[in-house]
mmCIF file of all heavy atoms, coordinates in Angstrom:
data_MODEL
# 
_entry.id   MODEL 
# 
loop_
_atom_site.group_PDB 
_atom_site.id 
_atom_site.type_symbol 
_atom_site.label_atom_id 
_atom_site.label_alt_id 
_atom_site.label_comp_id 
_atom_site.label_asym_id 
_atom_site.label_entity_id 
_atom_site.label_seq_id 
_atom_site.pdbx_PDB_ins_code 
_atom_site.Cartn_x 
_atom_site.Cartn_y 
_atom_site.Cartn_z 
_atom_site.occupancy 
_atom_site.B_iso_or_equiv 
_atom_site.pdbx_formal_charge 
_atom_site.auth_seq_id 
_atom_site.auth_comp_id 
_atom_site.auth_asym_id 
_atom_site.auth_atom_id 
_atom_site.pdbx_PDB_model_num 
ATOM 1   N N   . ASN A 1 1  ? 223.656 72.220 -59.330 1.00 0.00 ? 1  ASN A N   1 
ATOM 2   C CA  . ASN A 1 1  ? 222.784 71.719 -58.342 1.00 0.00 ? 1  ASN A CA  1 
ATOM 3   C C   . ASN A 1 1  ? 223.069 72.319 -57.020 1.00 0.00 ? 1  ASN A C   1 
ATOM 4   O O   . ASN A 1 1  ? 223.605 71.656 -56.237 1.00 0.00 ? 1  ASN A O   1 
ATOM 5   C CB  . ASN A 1 1  ? 222.891 70.131 -58.382 1.00 0.00 ? 1  ASN A CB  1 
ATOM 6   C CG  . ASN A 1 1  ? 221.972 69.530 -57.348 1.00 0.00 ? 1  ASN A CG  1 
ATOM 7   O OD1 . ASN A 1 1  ? 220.879 70.025 -56.975 1.00 0.00 ? 1  ASN A OD1 1 
ATOM 8   N ND2 . ASN A 1 1  ? 222.247 68.321 -56.919 1.00 0.00 ? 1  ASN A ND2 1 
ATOM 9   N N   . ALA A 1 2  ? 222.843 73.633 -56.872 1.00 0.00 ? 2  ALA A N   1 
ATOM 10  C CA  . ALA A 1 2  ? 223.228 74.380 -55.734 1.00 0.00 ? 2  ALA A CA  1 
ATOM 11  C C   . ALA A 1 2  ? 222.653 73.874 -54.484 1.00 0.00 ? 2  ALA A C   1 
ATOM 12  O O   . ALA A 1 2  ? 221.418 73.597 -54.363 1.00 0.00 ? 2  ALA A O   1 
ATOM 13  C CB  . ALA A 1 2  ? 222.946 75.849 -55.897 1.00 0.00 ? 2  ALA A CB  1 
ATOM 14  N N   . PHE A 1 3  ? 223.406 73.638 -53.437 1.00 0.00 ? 3  PHE A N   1 
ATOM 15  C CA  . PHE A 1 3  ? 223.116 73.105 -52.106 1.00 0.00 ? 3  PHE A CA  1 
ATOM 16  C C   . PHE A 1 3  ? 222.224 71.827 -52.253 1.00 0.00 ? 3  PHE A C   1 
ATOM 17  O O   . PHE A 1 3  ? 221.345 71.619 -51.520 1.00 0.00 ? 3  PHE A O   1 
ATOM 18  C CB  . PHE A 1 3  ? 222.327 74.174 -51.354 1.00 0.00 ? 3  PHE A CB  1 
ATOM 19  C CG  . PHE A 1 3  ? 223.187 74.959 -50.417 1.00 0.00 ? 3  PHE A CG  1 
ATOM 20  C CD1 . PHE A 1 3  ? 223.596 76.239 -50.962 1.00 0.00 ? 3  PHE A CD1 1 
ATOM 21  C CD2 . PHE A 1 3  ? 223.691 74.501 -49.246 1.00 0.00 ? 3  PHE A CD2 1 
ATOM 22  C CE1 . PHE A 1 3  ? 224.467 76.959 -50.130 1.00 0.00 ? 3  PHE A CE1 1 
ATOM 23  C CE2 . PHE A 1 3  ? 224.553 75.139 -48.474 1.00 0.00 ? 3  PHE A CE2 1 
ATOM 24  C CZ  . PHE A 1 3  ? 224.972 76.429 -48.889 1.00 0.00 ? 3  PHE A CZ  1 
ATOM 25  N N   . GLY A 1 4  ? 222.535 70.987 -53.270 1.00 0.00 ? 4  GLY A N   1 
ATOM 26  C CA  . GLY A 1 4  ? 221.884 69.756 -53.370 1.00 0.00 ? 4  GLY A CA  1 
ATOM 27  C C   . GLY A 1 4  ? 220.362 69.933 -53.622 1.00 0.00 ? 4  GLY A C   1 
ATOM 28  O O   . GLY A 1 4  ? 219.589 69.094 -53.290 1.00 0.00 ? 4  GLY A O   1 
ATOM 29  N N   . GLY A 1 5  ? 220.055 70.987 -54.398 1.00 0.00 ? 5  GLY A N   1 
ATOM 30  C CA  . GLY A 1 5  ? 218.746 71.228 -54.888 1.00 0.00 ? 5  GLY A CA  1 
ATOM 31  C C   . GLY A 1 5  ? 217.743 71.984 -53.879 1.00 0.00 ? 5  GLY A C   1 
ATOM 32  O O   . GLY A 1 5  ? 216.611 72.130 -54.079 1.00 0.00 ? 5  GLY A O   1 
ATOM 33  N N   . SER A 1 6  ? 218.391 72.502 -52.680 1.00 0.00 ? 6  SER A N   1 
ATOM 34  C CA  . SER A 1 6  ? 217.533 73.265 -51.870 1.00 0.00 ? 6  SER A CA  1 
ATOM 35  C C   . SER A 1 6  ? 218.471 74.229 -51.223 1.00 0.00 ? 6  SER A C   1 
ATOM 36  O O   . SER A 1 6  ? 219.639 74.234 -51.099 1.00 0.00 ? 6  SER A O   1 
ATOM 37  C CB  . SER A 1 6  ? 216.995 72.389 -50.816 1.00 0.00 ? 6  SER A CB  1 
ATOM 38  O OG  . SER A 1 6  ? 217.955 71.682 -49.996 1.00 0.00 ? 6  SER A OG  1 
ATOM 39  N N   . PHE A 1 7  ? 217.834 75.308 -50.720 1.00 0.00 ? 7  PHE A N   1 
ATOM 40  C CA  . PHE A 1 7  ? 218.635 76.303 -49.975 1.00 0.00 ? 7  PHE A CA  1 
ATOM 41  C C   . PHE A 1 7  ? 218.575 76.007 -48.451 1.00 0.00 ? 7  PHE A C   1 
ATOM 42  O O   . PHE A 1 7  ? 217.450 75.554 -47.906 1.00 0.00 ? 7  PHE A O   1 
ATOM 43  C CB  . PHE A 1 7  ? 218.000 77.780 -50.193 1.00 0.00 ? 7  PHE A CB  1 
ATOM 44  C CG  . PHE A 1 7  ? 219.019 78.749 -49.943 1.00 0.00 ? 7  PHE A CG  1 
ATOM 45  C CD1 . PHE A 1 7  ? 220.013 79.107 -50.864 1.00 0.00 ? 7  PHE A CD1 1 
ATOM 46  C CD2 . PHE A 1 7  ? 218.990 79.609 -48.825 1.00 0.00 ? 7  PHE A CD2 1 
ATOM 47  C CE1 . PHE A 1 7  ? 220.904 80.038 -50.653 1.00 0.00 ? 7  PHE A CE1 1 
ATOM 48  C CE2 . PHE A 1 7  ? 219.926 80.557 -48.580 1.00 0.00 ? 7  PHE A CE2 1 
ATOM 49  C CZ  . PHE A 1 7  ? 220.864 80.735 -49.493 1.00 0.00 ? 7  PHE A CZ  1 
ATOM 50  N N   . PRO A 1 8  ? 219.605 76.246 -47.673 1.00 0.00 ? 8  PRO A N   1 
ATOM 51  C CA  . PRO A 1 8  ? 219.537 75.703 -46.286 1.00 0.00 ? 8  PRO A CA  1 
ATOM 52  C C   . PRO A 1 8  ? 218.584 76.491 -45.452 1.00 0.00 ? 8  PRO A C   1 
ATOM 53  O O   . PRO A 1 8  ? 218.321 77.666 -45.622 1.00 0.00 ? 8  PRO A O   1 
ATOM 54  C CB  . PRO A 1 8  ? 221.073 76.116 -45.831 1.00 0.00 ? 8  PRO A CB  1 
ATOM 55  C CG  . PRO A 1 8  ? 221.480 77.142 -46.839 1.00 0.00 ? 8  PRO A CG  1 
ATOM 56  C CD  . PRO A 1 8  ? 220.836 76.813 -48.127 1.00 0.00 ? 8  PRO A CD  1 
ATOM 57  N N   . ARG A 1 9  ? 217.982 75.657 -44.609 1.00 0.00 ? 9  ARG A N   1 
ATOM 58  C CA  . ARG A 1 9  ? 217.001 76.320 -43.639 1.00 0.00 ? 9  ARG A CA  1 
ATOM 59  C C   . ARG A 1 9  ? 217.951 77.015 -42.534 1.00 0.00 ? 9  ARG A C   1 
ATOM 60  O O   . ARG A 1 9  ? 218.822 76.604 -41.924 1.00 0.00 ? 9  ARG A O   1 
ATOM 61  C CB  . ARG A 1 9  ? 216.234 75.168 -42.806 1.00 0.00 ? 9  ARG A CB  1 
ATOM 62  C CG  . ARG A 1 9  ? 215.306 74.386 -43.742 1.00 0.00 ? 9  ARG A CG  1 
ATOM 63  C CD  . ARG A 1 9  ? 214.465 73.421 -42.898 1.00 0.00 ? 9  ARG A CD  1 
ATOM 64  N NE  . ARG A 1 9  ? 215.229 72.639 -42.035 1.00 0.00 ? 9  ARG A NE  1 
ATOM 65  C CZ  . ARG A 1 9  ? 215.665 71.342 -42.485 1.00 0.00 ? 9  ARG A CZ  1 
ATOM 66  N NH1 . ARG A 1 9  ? 215.334 70.955 -43.754 1.00 0.00 ? 9  ARG A NH1 1 
ATOM 67  N NH2 . ARG A 1 9  ? 216.264 70.481 -41.656 1.00 0.00 ? 9  ARG A NH2 1 
ATOM 68  N N   . ARG A 1 10 ? 217.594 78.361 -42.502 1.00 0.00 ? 10 ARG A N   1 
ATOM 69  C CA  . ARG A 1 10 ? 218.445 79.271 -41.723 1.00 0.00 ? 10 ARG A CA  1 
ATOM 70  C C   . ARG A 1 10 ? 218.612 78.798 -40.254 1.00 0.00 ? 10 ARG A C   1 
ATOM 71  O O   . ARG A 1 10 ? 219.624 79.141 -39.660 1.00 0.00 ? 10 ARG A O   1 
ATOM 72  C CB  . ARG A 1 10 ? 217.971 80.685 -41.842 1.00 0.00 ? 10 ARG A CB  1 
ATOM 73  C CG  . ARG A 1 10 ? 218.242 81.211 -43.190 1.00 0.00 ? 10 ARG A CG  1 
ATOM 74  C CD  . ARG A 1 10 ? 217.951 82.710 -43.303 1.00 0.00 ? 10 ARG A CD  1 
ATOM 75  N NE  . ARG A 1 10 ? 216.571 82.857 -43.465 1.00 0.00 ? 10 ARG A NE  1 
ATOM 76  C CZ  . ARG A 1 10 ? 215.945 84.099 -43.278 1.00 0.00 ? 10 ARG A CZ  1 
ATOM 77  N NH1 . ARG A 1 10 ? 216.655 85.127 -42.957 1.00 0.00 ? 10 ARG A NH1 1 
ATOM 78  N NH2 . ARG A 1 10 ? 214.664 84.315 -43.384 1.00 0.00 ? 10 ARG A NH2 1 
ATOM 79  N N   . GLU A 1 11 ? 217.628 78.260 -39.660 1.00 0.00 ? 11 GLU A N   1 
ATOM 80  C CA  . GLU A 1 11 ? 217.602 78.010 -38.185 1.00 0.00 ? 11 GLU A CA  1 
ATOM 81  C C   . GLU A 1 11 ? 218.584 76.766 -37.958 1.00 0.00 ? 11 GLU A C   1 
ATOM 82  O O   . GLU A 1 11 ? 218.780 76.560 -36.786 1.00 0.00 ? 11 GLU A O   1 
ATOM 83  C CB  . GLU A 1 11 ? 216.305 77.760 -37.755 1.00 0.00 ? 11 GLU A CB  1 
ATOM 84  C CG  . GLU A 1 11 ? 215.551 76.410 -38.097 1.00 0.00 ? 11 GLU A CG  1 
ATOM 85  C CD  . GLU A 1 11 ? 214.923 76.442 -39.477 1.00 0.00 ? 11 GLU A CD  1 
ATOM 86  O OE1 . GLU A 1 11 ? 215.054 77.544 -40.242 1.00 0.00 ? 11 GLU A OE1 1 
ATOM 87  O OE2 . GLU A 1 11 ? 214.315 75.366 -39.867 1.00 0.00 ? 11 GLU A OE2 1 
ATOM 88  N N   . SER A 1 12 ? 218.948 76.016 -38.897 1.00 0.00 ? 12 SER A N   1 
ATOM 89  C CA  . SER A 1 12 ? 219.676 74.724 -38.622 1.00 0.00 ? 12 SER A CA  1 
ATOM 90  C C   . SER A 1 12 ? 221.066 74.691 -39.036 1.00 0.00 ? 12 SER A C   1 
ATOM 91  O O   . SER A 1 12 ? 221.362 74.618 -40.297 1.00 0.00 ? 12 SER A O   1 
ATOM 92  C CB  . SER A 1 12 ? 218.856 73.477 -39.344 1.00 0.00 ? 12 SER A CB  1 
ATOM 93  O OG  . SER A 1 12 ? 219.572 72.345 -39.155 1.00 0.00 ? 12 SER A OG  1 
ATOM 94  N N   . ILE A 1 13 ? 221.949 74.793 -38.130 1.00 0.00 ? 13 ILE A N   1 
ATOM 95  C CA  . ILE A 1 13 ? 223.274 74.744 -38.440 1.00 0.00 ? 13 ILE A CA  1 
ATOM 96  C C   . ILE A 1 13 ? 223.764 73.273 -38.879 1.00 0.00 ? 13 ILE A C   1 
ATOM 97  O O   . ILE A 1 13 ? 224.604 73.126 -39.721 1.00 0.00 ? 13 ILE A O   1 
ATOM 98  C CB  . ILE A 1 13 ? 224.204 75.165 -37.351 1.00 0.00 ? 13 ILE A CB  1 
ATOM 99  C CG1 . ILE A 1 13 ? 225.602 75.439 -37.848 1.00 0.00 ? 13 ILE A CG1 1 
ATOM 100 C CG2 . ILE A 1 13 ? 224.254 74.178 -36.127 1.00 0.00 ? 13 ILE A CG2 1 
ATOM 101 C CD1 . ILE A 1 13 ? 226.500 76.403 -36.947 1.00 0.00 ? 13 ILE A CD1 1 
ATOM 102 N N   . ASP A 1 14 ? 223.009 72.299 -38.482 1.00 0.00 ? 14 ASP A N   1 
ATOM 103 C CA  . ASP A 1 14 ? 223.309 70.934 -38.811 1.00 0.00 ? 14 ASP A CA  1 
ATOM 104 C C   . ASP A 1 14 ? 222.986 70.753 -40.316 1.00 0.00 ? 14 ASP A C   1 
ATOM 105 O O   . ASP A 1 14 ? 223.795 70.047 -41.027 1.00 0.00 ? 14 ASP A O   1 
ATOM 106 C CB  . ASP A 1 14 ? 222.456 69.919 -38.097 1.00 0.00 ? 14 ASP A CB  1 
ATOM 107 C CG  . ASP A 1 14 ? 223.012 69.827 -36.621 1.00 0.00 ? 14 ASP A CG  1 
ATOM 108 O OD1 . ASP A 1 14 ? 224.169 70.102 -36.406 1.00 0.00 ? 14 ASP A OD1 1 
ATOM 109 O OD2 . ASP A 1 14 ? 222.233 69.449 -35.708 1.00 0.00 ? 14 ASP A OD2 1 
ATOM 110 N N   . PHE A 1 15 ? 221.897 71.358 -40.788 1.00 0.00 ? 15 PHE A N   1 
ATOM 111 C CA  . PHE A 1 15 ? 221.577 71.368 -42.205 1.00 0.00 ? 15 PHE A CA  1 
ATOM 112 C C   . PHE A 1 15 ? 222.596 72.042 -43.114 1.00 0.00 ? 15 PHE A C   1 
ATOM 113 O O   . PHE A 1 15 ? 222.996 71.531 -44.073 1.00 0.00 ? 15 PHE A O   1 
ATOM 114 C CB  . PHE A 1 15 ? 220.203 71.884 -42.458 1.00 0.00 ? 15 PHE A CB  1 
ATOM 115 C CG  . PHE A 1 15 ? 219.620 71.888 -43.756 1.00 0.00 ? 15 PHE A CG  1 
ATOM 116 C CD1 . PHE A 1 15 ? 218.913 70.706 -44.149 1.00 0.00 ? 15 PHE A CD1 1 
ATOM 117 C CD2 . PHE A 1 15 ? 219.760 72.909 -44.716 1.00 0.00 ? 15 PHE A CD2 1 
ATOM 118 C CE1 . PHE A 1 15 ? 218.431 70.512 -45.359 1.00 0.00 ? 15 PHE A CE1 1 
ATOM 119 C CE2 . PHE A 1 15 ? 219.202 72.722 -45.908 1.00 0.00 ? 15 PHE A CE2 1 
ATOM 120 C CZ  . PHE A 1 15 ? 218.492 71.587 -46.278 1.00 0.00 ? 15 PHE A CZ  1 
ATOM 121 N N   . VAL A 1 16 ? 223.075 73.153 -42.542 1.00 0.00 ? 16 VAL A N   1 
ATOM 122 C CA  . VAL A 1 16 ? 224.041 73.976 -43.271 1.00 0.00 ? 16 VAL A CA  1 
ATOM 123 C C   . VAL A 1 16 ? 225.310 73.013 -43.239 1.00 0.00 ? 16 VAL A C   1 
ATOM 124 O O   . VAL A 1 16 ? 226.033 73.051 -44.408 1.00 0.00 ? 16 VAL A O   1 
ATOM 125 C CB  . VAL A 1 16 ? 224.338 75.318 -42.555 1.00 0.00 ? 16 VAL A CB  1 
ATOM 126 C CG1 . VAL A 1 16 ? 225.528 75.953 -43.222 1.00 0.00 ? 16 VAL A CG1 1 
ATOM 127 C CG2 . VAL A 1 16 ? 223.247 76.192 -42.617 1.00 0.00 ? 16 VAL A CG2 1 
ATOM 128 N N   . ARG A 1 17 ? 225.746 72.417 -42.204 1.00 0.00 ? 17 ARG A N   1 
ATOM 129 C CA  . ARG A 1 17 ? 226.912 71.626 -42.252 1.00 0.00 ? 17 ARG A CA  1 
ATOM 130 C C   . ARG A 1 17 ? 226.800 70.484 -43.285 1.00 0.00 ? 17 ARG A C   1 
ATOM 131 O O   . ARG A 1 17 ? 227.724 70.245 -43.987 1.00 0.00 ? 17 ARG A O   1 
ATOM 132 C CB  . ARG A 1 17 ? 227.108 71.009 -40.886 1.00 0.00 ? 17 ARG A CB  1 
ATOM 133 C CG  . ARG A 1 17 ? 228.345 70.171 -40.640 1.00 0.00 ? 17 ARG A CG  1 
ATOM 134 C CD  . ARG A 1 17 ? 228.609 69.726 -39.244 1.00 0.00 ? 17 ARG A CD  1 
ATOM 135 N NE  . ARG A 1 17 ? 228.858 70.800 -38.314 1.00 0.00 ? 17 ARG A NE  1 
ATOM 136 C CZ  . ARG A 1 17 ? 227.994 71.183 -37.459 1.00 0.00 ? 17 ARG A CZ  1 
ATOM 137 N NH1 . ARG A 1 17 ? 226.755 70.723 -37.347 1.00 0.00 ? 17 ARG A NH1 1 
ATOM 138 N NH2 . ARG A 1 17 ? 228.304 72.207 -36.692 1.00 0.00 ? 17 ARG A NH2 1 
ATOM 139 N N   . GLU A 1 18 ? 225.596 69.954 -43.262 1.00 0.00 ? 18 GLU A N   1 
ATOM 140 C CA  . GLU A 1 18 ? 225.475 68.878 -44.219 1.00 0.00 ? 18 GLU A CA  1 
ATOM 141 C C   . GLU A 1 18 ? 225.560 69.322 -45.717 1.00 0.00 ? 18 GLU A C   1 
ATOM 142 O O   . GLU A 1 18 ? 226.227 68.740 -46.548 1.00 0.00 ? 18 GLU A O   1 
ATOM 143 C CB  . GLU A 1 18 ? 224.043 68.193 -44.112 1.00 0.00 ? 18 GLU A CB  1 
ATOM 144 C CG  . GLU A 1 18 ? 223.665 67.078 -45.146 1.00 0.00 ? 18 GLU A CG  1 
ATOM 145 C CD  . GLU A 1 18 ? 222.205 66.870 -44.953 1.00 0.00 ? 18 GLU A CD  1 
ATOM 146 O OE1 . GLU A 1 18 ? 221.608 66.904 -43.878 1.00 0.00 ? 18 GLU A OE1 1 
ATOM 147 O OE2 . GLU A 1 18 ? 221.517 66.470 -46.001 1.00 0.00 ? 18 GLU A OE2 1 
ATOM 148 N N   . LYS A 1 19 ? 225.021 70.527 -45.980 1.00 0.00 ? 19 LYS A N   1 
ATOM 149 C CA  . LYS A 1 19 ? 225.130 70.950 -47.364 1.00 0.00 ? 19 LYS A CA  1 
ATOM 150 C C   . LYS A 1 19 ? 226.496 71.500 -47.747 1.00 0.00 ? 19 LYS A C   1 
ATOM 151 O O   . LYS A 1 19 ? 226.882 71.511 -48.879 1.00 0.00 ? 19 LYS A O   1 
ATOM 152 C CB  . LYS A 1 19 ? 224.050 72.114 -47.570 1.00 0.00 ? 19 LYS A CB  1 
ATOM 153 C CG  . LYS A 1 19 ? 222.633 71.518 -47.415 1.00 0.00 ? 19 LYS A CG  1 
ATOM 154 C CD  . LYS A 1 19 ? 222.411 70.408 -48.410 1.00 0.00 ? 19 LYS A CD  1 
ATOM 155 C CE  . LYS A 1 19 ? 220.957 69.797 -48.231 1.00 0.00 ? 19 LYS A CE  1 
ATOM 156 N NZ  . LYS A 1 19 ? 220.841 68.570 -49.124 1.00 0.00 ? 19 LYS A NZ  1 
ATOM 157 N N   . VAL A 1 20 ? 227.218 72.111 -46.695 1.00 0.00 ? 20 VAL A N   1 
ATOM 158 C CA  . VAL A 1 20 ? 228.605 72.514 -47.014 1.00 0.00 ? 20 VAL A CA  1 
ATOM 159 C C   . VAL A 1 20 ? 229.441 71.285 -47.311 1.00 0.00 ? 20 VAL A C   1 
ATOM 160 O O   . VAL A 1 20 ? 230.315 71.244 -48.191 1.00 0.00 ? 20 VAL A O   1 
ATOM 161 C CB  . VAL A 1 20 ? 229.188 73.294 -45.862 1.00 0.00 ? 20 VAL A CB  1 
ATOM 162 C CG1 . VAL A 1 20 ? 230.666 73.714 -46.107 1.00 0.00 ? 20 VAL A CG1 1 
ATOM 163 C CG2 . VAL A 1 20 ? 228.356 74.640 -45.646 1.00 0.00 ? 20 VAL A CG2 1 
ATOM 164 N N   . GLN A 1 21 ? 229.315 70.213 -46.529 1.00 0.00 ? 21 GLN A N   1 
ATOM 165 C CA  . GLN A 1 21 ? 229.894 68.918 -46.745 1.00 0.00 ? 21 GLN A CA  1 
ATOM 166 C C   . GLN A 1 21 ? 229.759 68.304 -48.107 1.00 0.00 ? 21 GLN A C   1 
ATOM 167 O O   . GLN A 1 21 ? 230.566 67.809 -48.739 1.00 0.00 ? 21 GLN A O   1 
ATOM 168 C CB  . GLN A 1 21 ? 229.687 67.891 -45.745 1.00 0.00 ? 21 GLN A CB  1 
ATOM 169 C CG  . GLN A 1 21 ? 230.153 68.323 -44.307 1.00 0.00 ? 21 GLN A CG  1 
ATOM 170 C CD  . GLN A 1 21 ? 229.704 67.334 -43.259 1.00 0.00 ? 21 GLN A CD  1 
ATOM 171 O OE1 . GLN A 1 21 ? 228.794 66.611 -43.387 1.00 0.00 ? 21 GLN A OE1 1 
ATOM 172 N NE2 . GLN A 1 21 ? 230.469 67.451 -42.052 1.00 0.00 ? 21 GLN A NE2 1 
ATOM 173 N N   . TYR A 1 22 ? 228.483 68.700 -48.488 1.00 0.00 ? 22 TYR A N   1 
ATOM 174 C CA  . TYR A 1 22 ? 228.084 68.182 -49.868 1.00 0.00 ? 22 TYR A CA  1 
ATOM 175 C C   . TYR A 1 22 ? 228.955 68.709 -51.083 1.00 0.00 ? 22 TYR A C   1 
ATOM 176 O O   . TYR A 1 22 ? 228.992 68.099 -52.106 1.00 0.00 ? 22 TYR A O   1 
ATOM 177 C CB  . TYR A 1 22 ? 226.545 68.525 -50.070 1.00 0.00 ? 22 TYR A CB  1 
ATOM 178 C CG  . TYR A 1 22 ? 225.847 68.144 -51.380 1.00 0.00 ? 22 TYR A CG  1 
ATOM 179 C CD1 . TYR A 1 22 ? 225.237 66.832 -51.463 1.00 0.00 ? 22 TYR A CD1 1 
ATOM 180 C CD2 . TYR A 1 22 ? 225.831 68.983 -52.463 1.00 0.00 ? 22 TYR A CD2 1 
ATOM 181 C CE1 . TYR A 1 22 ? 224.587 66.458 -52.579 1.00 0.00 ? 22 TYR A CE1 1 
ATOM 182 C CE2 . TYR A 1 22 ? 225.113 68.606 -53.623 1.00 0.00 ? 22 TYR A CE2 1 
ATOM 183 C CZ  . TYR A 1 22 ? 224.533 67.289 -53.684 1.00 0.00 ? 22 TYR A CZ  1 
ATOM 184 O OH  . TYR A 1 22 ? 223.850 66.965 -54.830 1.00 0.00 ? 22 TYR A OH  1 
ATOM 185 N N   . THR A 1 23 ? 229.574 69.809 -50.774 1.00 0.00 ? 23 THR A N   1 
ATOM 186 C CA  . THR A 1 23 ? 230.387 70.574 -51.793 1.00 0.00 ? 23 THR A CA  1 
ATOM 187 C C   . THR A 1 23 ? 231.656 69.603 -52.097 1.00 0.00 ? 23 THR A C   1 
ATOM 188 O O   . THR A 1 23 ? 232.167 69.811 -53.213 1.00 0.00 ? 23 THR A O   1 
ATOM 189 C CB  . THR A 1 23 ? 230.770 71.922 -51.279 1.00 0.00 ? 23 THR A CB  1 
ATOM 190 O OG1 . THR A 1 23 ? 229.661 72.691 -50.975 1.00 0.00 ? 23 THR A OG1 1 
ATOM 191 C CG2 . THR A 1 23 ? 231.696 72.555 -52.243 1.00 0.00 ? 23 THR A CG2 1 
ATOM 192 N N   . PHE A 1 24 ? 232.052 68.950 -51.173 1.00 0.00 ? 24 PHE A N   1 
ATOM 193 C CA  . PHE A 1 24 ? 233.288 68.174 -51.244 1.00 0.00 ? 24 PHE A CA  1 
ATOM 194 C C   . PHE A 1 24 ? 233.156 66.690 -51.344 1.00 0.00 ? 24 PHE A C   1 
ATOM 195 O O   . PHE A 1 24 ? 232.175 66.150 -50.876 1.00 0.00 ? 24 PHE A O   1 
ATOM 196 C CB  . PHE A 1 24 ? 234.266 68.633 -49.998 1.00 0.00 ? 24 PHE A CB  1 
ATOM 197 C CG  . PHE A 1 24 ? 234.483 69.930 -49.872 1.00 0.00 ? 24 PHE A CG  1 
ATOM 198 C CD1 . PHE A 1 24 ? 233.728 70.704 -48.898 1.00 0.00 ? 24 PHE A CD1 1 
ATOM 199 C CD2 . PHE A 1 24 ? 235.345 70.702 -50.737 1.00 0.00 ? 24 PHE A CD2 1 
ATOM 200 C CE1 . PHE A 1 24 ? 233.860 72.098 -48.732 1.00 0.00 ? 24 PHE A CE1 1 
ATOM 201 C CE2 . PHE A 1 24 ? 235.556 72.120 -50.563 1.00 0.00 ? 24 PHE A CE2 1 
ATOM 202 C CZ  . PHE A 1 24 ? 234.770 72.777 -49.568 1.00 0.00 ? 24 PHE A CZ  1 
ATOM 203 N N   . TYR A 1 25 ? 234.106 65.998 -51.916 1.00 0.00 ? 25 TYR A N   1 
ATOM 204 C CA  . TYR A 1 25 ? 234.160 64.540 -51.798 1.00 0.00 ? 25 TYR A CA  1 
ATOM 205 C C   . TYR A 1 25 ? 234.400 64.033 -50.403 1.00 0.00 ? 25 TYR A C   1 
ATOM 206 O O   . TYR A 1 25 ? 233.732 63.109 -49.876 1.00 0.00 ? 25 TYR A O   1 
ATOM 207 C CB  . TYR A 1 25 ? 235.248 64.016 -52.778 1.00 0.00 ? 25 TYR A CB  1 
ATOM 208 C CG  . TYR A 1 25 ? 235.475 62.482 -52.696 1.00 0.00 ? 25 TYR A CG  1 
ATOM 209 C CD1 . TYR A 1 25 ? 234.559 61.633 -53.323 1.00 0.00 ? 25 TYR A CD1 1 
ATOM 210 C CD2 . TYR A 1 25 ? 236.466 61.909 -51.857 1.00 0.00 ? 25 TYR A CD2 1 
ATOM 211 C CE1 . TYR A 1 25 ? 234.806 60.228 -53.179 1.00 0.00 ? 25 TYR A CE1 1 
ATOM 212 C CE2 . TYR A 1 25 ? 236.663 60.624 -51.748 1.00 0.00 ? 25 TYR A CE2 1 
ATOM 213 C CZ  . TYR A 1 25 ? 235.862 59.739 -52.563 1.00 0.00 ? 25 TYR A CZ  1 
ATOM 214 O OH  . TYR A 1 25 ? 236.001 58.359 -52.395 1.00 0.00 ? 25 TYR A OH  1 
ATOM 215 N N   . ASP A 1 26 ? 235.421 64.718 -49.769 1.00 0.00 ? 26 ASP A N   1 
ATOM 216 C CA  . ASP A 1 26 ? 235.744 64.371 -48.408 1.00 0.00 ? 26 ASP A CA  1 
ATOM 217 C C   . ASP A 1 26 ? 235.156 65.448 -47.477 1.00 0.00 ? 26 ASP A C   1 
ATOM 218 O O   . ASP A 1 26 ? 235.516 66.587 -47.514 1.00 0.00 ? 26 ASP A O   1 
ATOM 219 C CB  . ASP A 1 26 ? 237.352 64.247 -48.218 1.00 0.00 ? 26 ASP A CB  1 
ATOM 220 C CG  . ASP A 1 26 ? 237.731 63.887 -46.813 1.00 0.00 ? 26 ASP A CG  1 
ATOM 221 O OD1 . ASP A 1 26 ? 236.810 63.862 -45.976 1.00 0.00 ? 26 ASP A OD1 1 
ATOM 222 O OD2 . ASP A 1 26 ? 238.964 63.851 -46.696 1.00 0.00 ? 26 ASP A OD2 1 
# 
């Protein structure tokens, strides 16, 4: 389930941060 089912919107670092955090429990 890569990146939570979606690829990150390139313009949004907040979206990227959310999806990178999704990789981890903490």
